[in-house]
Amino acid sequence: KADIAFVPALWCREDAGEGIKLDKDAEVKLVNSVVTTRAIENQMHVAFINGAGQFTVNGKTGHLIGRTQLSSPFLGSVGRVNSNSESVLYTTADMSILPVAESAYRIREDLAI
């Protein structure tokens, strides 16, 4: 079983579609919650590595949300770049909490049924 998942991405503000009119940070909020959710439901650490800045392809510009982060069960985000600026994130993953998460949530056990 894996203890950490590395998730490279190119997540943009524009991915919210019309939702961006309701909240310009809709995708930031989504990513921040989904990364922690994936850590909990998979009982592992999740390292989300997203692009920063902006890019243009075929005349369309995308604004990457950044928000590279490491999330862990129980703890949520233990380190995050809170911008879309190019950055390096230094943090640690406490591997000792994974057996506690597995014992508490028993998700893998449920999936074996």
N, C-alpha and C. Protein backbone atom coordinates (compact mmCIF):
# COMPACT_ATOMS: atom_id res chain seq x y z
N LYS A 1 0.83 -1.18 0.00
CA LYS A 1 0.00 0.00 0.00
C LYS A 1 0.87 1.24 0.00
N ALA A 2 0.41 2.28 -0.62
CA ALA A 2 1.15 3.54 -0.68
C ALA A 2 0.89 4.38 0.57
N ASP A 3 1.88 5.13 0.99
CA ASP A 3 1.74 6.03 2.13
C ASP A 3 1.59 7.48 1.72
N ILE A 4 1.99 7.77 0.48
CA ILE A 4 1.89 9.15 -0.02
C ILE A 4 1.58 9.12 -1.52
N ALA A 5 0.69 9.99 -1.93
CA ALA A 5 0.36 10.12 -3.35
C ALA A 5 0.85 11.48 -3.83
N PHE A 6 1.55 11.50 -4.93
CA PHE A 6 2.01 12.74 -5.54
C PHE A 6 1.08 13.05 -6.70
N VAL A 7 0.46 14.22 -6.67
CA VAL A 7 -0.56 14.58 -7.65
C VAL A 7 -0.15 15.84 -8.40
N PRO A 8 0.53 15.69 -9.54
CA PRO A 8 0.87 16.87 -10.34
C PRO A 8 -0.37 17.37 -11.08
N ALA A 9 -0.49 18.68 -11.22
CA ALA A 9 -1.70 19.24 -11.83
C ALA A 9 -1.42 20.56 -12.52
N LEU A 10 -2.36 20.96 -13.35
CA LEU A 10 -2.38 22.30 -13.97
C LEU A 10 -3.79 22.86 -13.77
N TRP A 11 -4.17 23.11 -12.53
CA TRP A 11 -5.52 23.54 -12.17
C TRP A 11 -5.63 25.04 -12.31
N CYS A 12 -6.63 25.50 -13.04
CA CYS A 12 -6.80 26.93 -13.35
C CYS A 12 -8.06 27.51 -12.72
N ARG A 13 -8.05 28.81 -12.49
CA ARG A 13 -9.26 29.52 -12.02
C ARG A 13 -10.42 29.30 -12.98
N GLU A 14 -10.11 29.30 -14.26
CA GLU A 14 -11.15 29.19 -15.28
C GLU A 14 -11.85 27.83 -15.28
N ASP A 15 -11.30 26.84 -14.59
CA ASP A 15 -11.94 25.53 -14.52
C ASP A 15 -13.31 25.59 -13.87
N ALA A 16 -13.60 26.66 -13.13
CA ALA A 16 -14.90 26.81 -12.47
C ALA A 16 -16.01 27.18 -13.45
N GLY A 17 -15.64 27.53 -14.68
CA GLY A 17 -16.65 27.90 -15.67
C GLY A 17 -17.46 29.11 -15.20
N GLU A 18 -18.76 29.03 -15.30
CA GLU A 18 -19.64 30.12 -14.89
C GLU A 18 -19.57 30.36 -13.38
N GLY A 19 -19.14 29.37 -12.63
CA GLY A 19 -19.02 29.50 -11.18
C GLY A 19 -18.06 30.59 -10.75
N ILE A 20 -17.13 30.95 -11.63
CA ILE A 20 -16.17 32.00 -11.30
C ILE A 20 -16.87 33.34 -11.09
N LYS A 21 -18.06 33.49 -11.68
CA LYS A 21 -18.84 34.73 -11.47
C LYS A 21 -19.40 34.79 -10.05
N LEU A 22 -19.61 33.64 -9.44
CA LEU A 22 -20.13 33.58 -8.08
C LEU A 22 -19.03 33.76 -7.04
N ASP A 23 -17.84 33.24 -7.37
CA ASP A 23 -16.71 33.35 -6.44
C ASP A 23 -15.43 33.18 -7.24
N LYS A 24 -14.63 34.22 -7.33
CA LYS A 24 -13.40 34.14 -8.13
C LYS A 24 -12.41 33.13 -7.57
N ASP A 25 -12.57 32.76 -6.29
CA ASP A 25 -11.69 31.78 -5.67
C ASP A 25 -12.33 30.40 -5.55
N ALA A 26 -13.36 30.14 -6.35
CA ALA A 26 -14.07 28.86 -6.26
C ALA A 26 -13.13 27.66 -6.43
N GLU A 27 -12.23 27.72 -7.39
CA GLU A 27 -11.33 26.58 -7.63
C GLU A 27 -10.30 26.44 -6.52
N VAL A 28 -9.86 27.55 -5.95
CA VAL A 28 -8.93 27.49 -4.81
C VAL A 28 -9.61 26.76 -3.65
N LYS A 29 -10.84 27.14 -3.35
CA LYS A 29 -11.58 26.49 -2.25
C LYS A 29 -11.80 25.02 -2.54
N LEU A 30 -12.12 24.70 -3.78
CA LEU A 30 -12.33 23.31 -4.16
C LEU A 30 -11.06 22.50 -3.96
N VAL A 31 -9.95 22.98 -4.50
CA VAL A 31 -8.68 22.25 -4.38
C VAL A 31 -8.28 22.07 -2.92
N ASN A 32 -8.37 23.13 -2.14
CA ASN A 32 -7.97 23.02 -0.73
C ASN A 32 -8.79 21.97 0.01
N SER A 33 -10.07 21.87 -0.28
CA SER A 33 -10.89 20.88 0.41
C SER A 33 -10.71 19.48 -0.17
N VAL A 34 -10.58 19.37 -1.49
CA VAL A 34 -10.46 18.05 -2.12
C VAL A 34 -9.15 17.36 -1.75
N VAL A 35 -8.07 18.11 -1.67
CA VAL A 35 -6.79 17.48 -1.33
C VAL A 35 -6.85 16.86 0.06
N THR A 36 -7.43 17.58 1.02
CA THR A 36 -7.57 17.03 2.37
C THR A 36 -8.53 15.85 2.38
N THR A 37 -9.62 15.96 1.63
CA THR A 37 -10.58 14.86 1.55
C THR A 37 -9.91 13.59 1.02
N ARG A 38 -9.10 13.73 -0.02
CA ARG A 38 -8.41 12.56 -0.59
C ARG A 38 -7.44 11.94 0.42
N ALA A 39 -6.79 12.76 1.22
CA ALA A 39 -5.88 12.23 2.25
C ALA A 39 -6.65 11.39 3.26
N ILE A 40 -7.81 11.89 3.67
CA ILE A 40 -8.62 11.17 4.66
C ILE A 40 -9.18 9.89 4.06
N GLU A 41 -9.82 9.98 2.89
CA GLU A 41 -10.49 8.81 2.35
C GLU A 41 -9.53 7.73 1.88
N ASN A 42 -8.29 8.09 1.60
CA ASN A 42 -7.29 7.10 1.19
C ASN A 42 -6.31 6.74 2.29
N GLN A 43 -6.48 7.39 3.46
CA GLN A 43 -5.64 7.12 4.63
C GLN A 43 -4.16 7.20 4.28
N MET A 44 -3.81 8.27 3.58
CA MET A 44 -2.42 8.51 3.18
C MET A 44 -2.19 10.01 3.07
N HIS A 45 -0.94 10.39 2.98
CA HIS A 45 -0.59 11.78 2.73
C HIS A 45 -0.79 12.05 1.24
N VAL A 46 -1.22 13.26 0.91
CA VAL A 46 -1.40 13.65 -0.48
C VAL A 46 -0.60 14.92 -0.74
N ALA A 47 0.35 14.81 -1.66
CA ALA A 47 1.15 15.96 -2.09
C ALA A 47 0.59 16.43 -3.42
N PHE A 48 -0.08 17.58 -3.39
CA PHE A 48 -0.68 18.18 -4.58
C PHE A 48 0.31 19.22 -5.10
N ILE A 49 0.79 19.03 -6.32
CA ILE A 49 1.79 19.92 -6.91
C ILE A 49 1.18 20.57 -8.14
N ASN A 50 0.85 21.85 -8.02
CA ASN A 50 0.17 22.54 -9.10
C ASN A 50 1.08 23.58 -9.74
N GLY A 51 0.80 23.87 -10.99
CA GLY A 51 1.52 24.93 -11.69
C GLY A 51 1.20 26.29 -11.12
N ALA A 52 2.03 27.27 -11.45
CA ALA A 52 1.84 28.64 -10.97
C ALA A 52 1.90 29.60 -12.15
N GLY A 53 1.34 30.80 -11.94
CA GLY A 53 1.39 31.83 -12.98
C GLY A 53 0.27 31.65 -13.99
N GLN A 54 0.59 31.90 -15.24
CA GLN A 54 -0.41 31.75 -16.30
C GLN A 54 0.25 31.19 -17.55
N PHE A 55 -0.59 30.71 -18.47
CA PHE A 55 -0.12 30.18 -19.73
C PHE A 55 -1.13 30.50 -20.81
N THR A 56 -0.69 30.46 -22.05
CA THR A 56 -1.59 30.70 -23.18
C THR A 56 -1.43 29.56 -24.18
N VAL A 57 -2.55 28.98 -24.57
CA VAL A 57 -2.58 27.91 -25.57
C VAL A 57 -3.70 28.23 -26.56
N ASN A 58 -3.36 28.25 -27.83
CA ASN A 58 -4.34 28.54 -28.89
C ASN A 58 -5.12 29.83 -28.62
N GLY A 59 -4.42 30.83 -28.11
CA GLY A 59 -5.05 32.13 -27.88
C GLY A 59 -5.86 32.24 -26.60
N LYS A 60 -5.97 31.16 -25.83
CA LYS A 60 -6.70 31.19 -24.56
C LYS A 60 -5.71 31.20 -23.41
N THR A 61 -5.92 32.12 -22.47
CA THR A 61 -5.03 32.23 -21.32
C THR A 61 -5.66 31.55 -20.11
N GLY A 62 -4.86 30.77 -19.43
CA GLY A 62 -5.28 30.12 -18.19
C GLY A 62 -4.48 30.67 -17.03
N HIS A 63 -5.16 30.91 -15.92
CA HIS A 63 -4.51 31.43 -14.72
C HIS A 63 -4.45 30.30 -13.69
N LEU A 64 -3.27 29.71 -13.56
CA LEU A 64 -3.09 28.60 -12.63
C LEU A 64 -3.29 29.08 -11.20
N ILE A 65 -3.90 28.23 -10.36
CA ILE A 65 -4.19 28.66 -9.00
C ILE A 65 -3.05 28.40 -8.02
N GLY A 66 -2.02 27.66 -8.45
CA GLY A 66 -0.95 27.34 -7.50
C GLY A 66 -1.48 26.44 -6.41
N ARG A 67 -1.29 26.82 -5.15
CA ARG A 67 -1.78 26.10 -3.97
C ARG A 67 -1.17 24.72 -3.81
N THR A 68 0.09 24.57 -4.22
CA THR A 68 0.81 23.34 -3.94
C THR A 68 0.73 23.10 -2.44
N GLN A 69 0.48 21.83 -2.05
CA GLN A 69 0.29 21.56 -0.62
C GLN A 69 0.47 20.09 -0.30
N LEU A 70 0.67 19.84 0.99
CA LEU A 70 0.71 18.48 1.53
C LEU A 70 -0.40 18.38 2.56
N SER A 71 -1.29 17.40 2.38
CA SER A 71 -2.38 17.17 3.34
C SER A 71 -2.25 15.78 3.92
N SER A 72 -2.70 15.66 5.17
CA SER A 72 -2.61 14.41 5.91
C SER A 72 -3.92 14.12 6.62
N PRO A 73 -4.21 12.83 6.84
CA PRO A 73 -5.39 12.50 7.63
C PRO A 73 -5.31 13.16 9.01
N PHE A 74 -6.43 13.57 9.55
CA PHE A 74 -6.56 14.25 10.83
C PHE A 74 -6.04 15.68 10.81
N LEU A 75 -4.89 15.92 10.19
CA LEU A 75 -4.22 17.21 10.28
C LEU A 75 -4.64 18.20 9.19
N GLY A 76 -5.19 17.68 8.10
CA GLY A 76 -5.50 18.56 6.97
C GLY A 76 -4.22 19.02 6.31
N SER A 77 -4.22 20.24 5.82
CA SER A 77 -3.05 20.77 5.13
C SER A 77 -1.95 21.08 6.15
N VAL A 78 -0.81 20.42 6.00
CA VAL A 78 0.32 20.64 6.91
C VAL A 78 1.34 21.59 6.31
N GLY A 79 1.12 21.98 5.08
CA GLY A 79 1.97 22.95 4.39
C GLY A 79 1.33 23.31 3.08
N ARG A 80 1.30 24.61 2.78
CA ARG A 80 0.63 25.05 1.56
C ARG A 80 1.27 26.34 1.06
N VAL A 81 1.38 26.46 -0.25
CA VAL A 81 1.74 27.72 -0.88
C VAL A 81 0.43 28.45 -1.13
N ASN A 82 0.17 29.53 -0.42
CA ASN A 82 -1.12 30.23 -0.50
C ASN A 82 -1.13 31.30 -1.58
N SER A 83 -0.63 30.95 -2.74
CA SER A 83 -0.63 31.89 -3.87
C SER A 83 -0.46 31.09 -5.15
N ASN A 84 -0.45 31.81 -6.27
CA ASN A 84 -0.14 31.15 -7.54
C ASN A 84 1.22 31.61 -8.05
N SER A 85 2.07 32.01 -7.11
CA SER A 85 3.45 32.38 -7.45
C SER A 85 4.34 31.14 -7.43
N GLU A 86 5.33 31.14 -8.29
CA GLU A 86 6.27 30.04 -8.30
C GLU A 86 6.99 29.98 -6.97
N SER A 87 6.97 28.82 -6.32
CA SER A 87 7.52 28.65 -4.98
C SER A 87 8.02 27.24 -4.78
N VAL A 88 8.78 27.05 -3.72
CA VAL A 88 9.18 25.72 -3.28
C VAL A 88 8.61 25.54 -1.88
N LEU A 89 7.92 24.44 -1.65
CA LEU A 89 7.32 24.16 -0.35
C LEU A 89 8.18 23.14 0.38
N TYR A 90 8.59 23.50 1.58
CA TYR A 90 9.34 22.59 2.44
C TYR A 90 8.46 22.23 3.62
N THR A 91 8.14 20.95 3.77
CA THR A 91 7.34 20.48 4.89
C THR A 91 7.63 19.01 5.11
N THR A 92 7.07 18.45 6.16
CA THR A 92 7.29 17.03 6.45
C THR A 92 5.96 16.31 6.58
N ALA A 93 6.00 15.01 6.35
CA ALA A 93 4.83 14.15 6.49
C ALA A 93 5.08 13.20 7.65
N ASP A 94 4.24 13.25 8.65
CA ASP A 94 4.36 12.38 9.82
C ASP A 94 3.75 11.02 9.49
N MET A 95 4.61 10.07 9.18
CA MET A 95 4.14 8.74 8.78
C MET A 95 3.48 7.98 9.92
N SER A 96 3.73 8.38 11.15
CA SER A 96 3.17 7.64 12.29
C SER A 96 1.66 7.81 12.42
N ILE A 97 1.08 8.80 11.75
CA ILE A 97 -0.37 8.97 11.88
C ILE A 97 -1.16 8.06 10.94
N LEU A 98 -0.50 7.47 9.95
CA LEU A 98 -1.23 6.65 8.99
C LEU A 98 -1.87 5.41 9.60
N PRO A 99 -1.17 4.67 10.47
CA PRO A 99 -1.85 3.52 11.11
C PRO A 99 -3.02 3.97 12.00
N VAL A 100 -2.91 5.15 12.59
CA VAL A 100 -4.00 5.67 13.42
C VAL A 100 -5.21 5.97 12.54
N ALA A 101 -4.96 6.56 11.37
CA ALA A 101 -6.05 6.86 10.43
C ALA A 101 -6.70 5.56 9.95
N GLU A 102 -5.87 4.58 9.64
CA GLU A 102 -6.40 3.31 9.15
C GLU A 102 -7.26 2.64 10.22
N SER A 103 -6.82 2.71 11.46
CA SER A 103 -7.56 2.12 12.57
C SER A 103 -8.87 2.86 12.83
N ALA A 104 -8.84 4.18 12.72
CA ALA A 104 -10.03 4.99 13.01
C ALA A 104 -11.07 4.92 11.90
N TYR A 105 -10.64 5.07 10.66
CA TYR A 105 -11.58 5.17 9.55
C TYR A 105 -11.95 3.84 8.92
N ARG A 106 -11.03 2.89 8.93
CA ARG A 106 -11.25 1.54 8.40
C ARG A 106 -11.78 1.53 6.96
N ILE A 107 -11.39 2.52 6.18
CA ILE A 107 -11.89 2.62 4.80
C ILE A 107 -11.37 1.48 3.95
N ARG A 108 -10.10 1.16 4.08
CA ARG A 108 -9.54 0.06 3.27
C ARG A 108 -10.21 -1.27 3.63
N GLU A 109 -10.50 -1.42 4.90
CA GLU A 109 -11.20 -2.63 5.36
C GLU A 109 -12.59 -2.71 4.74
N ASP A 110 -13.29 -1.57 4.71
CA ASP A 110 -14.63 -1.51 4.10
C ASP A 110 -14.57 -1.84 2.61
N LEU A 111 -13.54 -1.40 1.93
CA LEU A 111 -13.41 -1.63 0.49
C LEU A 111 -13.14 -3.09 0.16
N ALA A 112 -12.61 -3.83 1.13
CA ALA A 112 -12.27 -5.24 0.91
C ALA A 112 -13.52 -6.13 0.93
N ILE A 113 -14.64 -5.56 1.32
CA ILE A 113 -15.89 -6.36 1.42
C ILE A 113 -16.41 -6.69 0.04
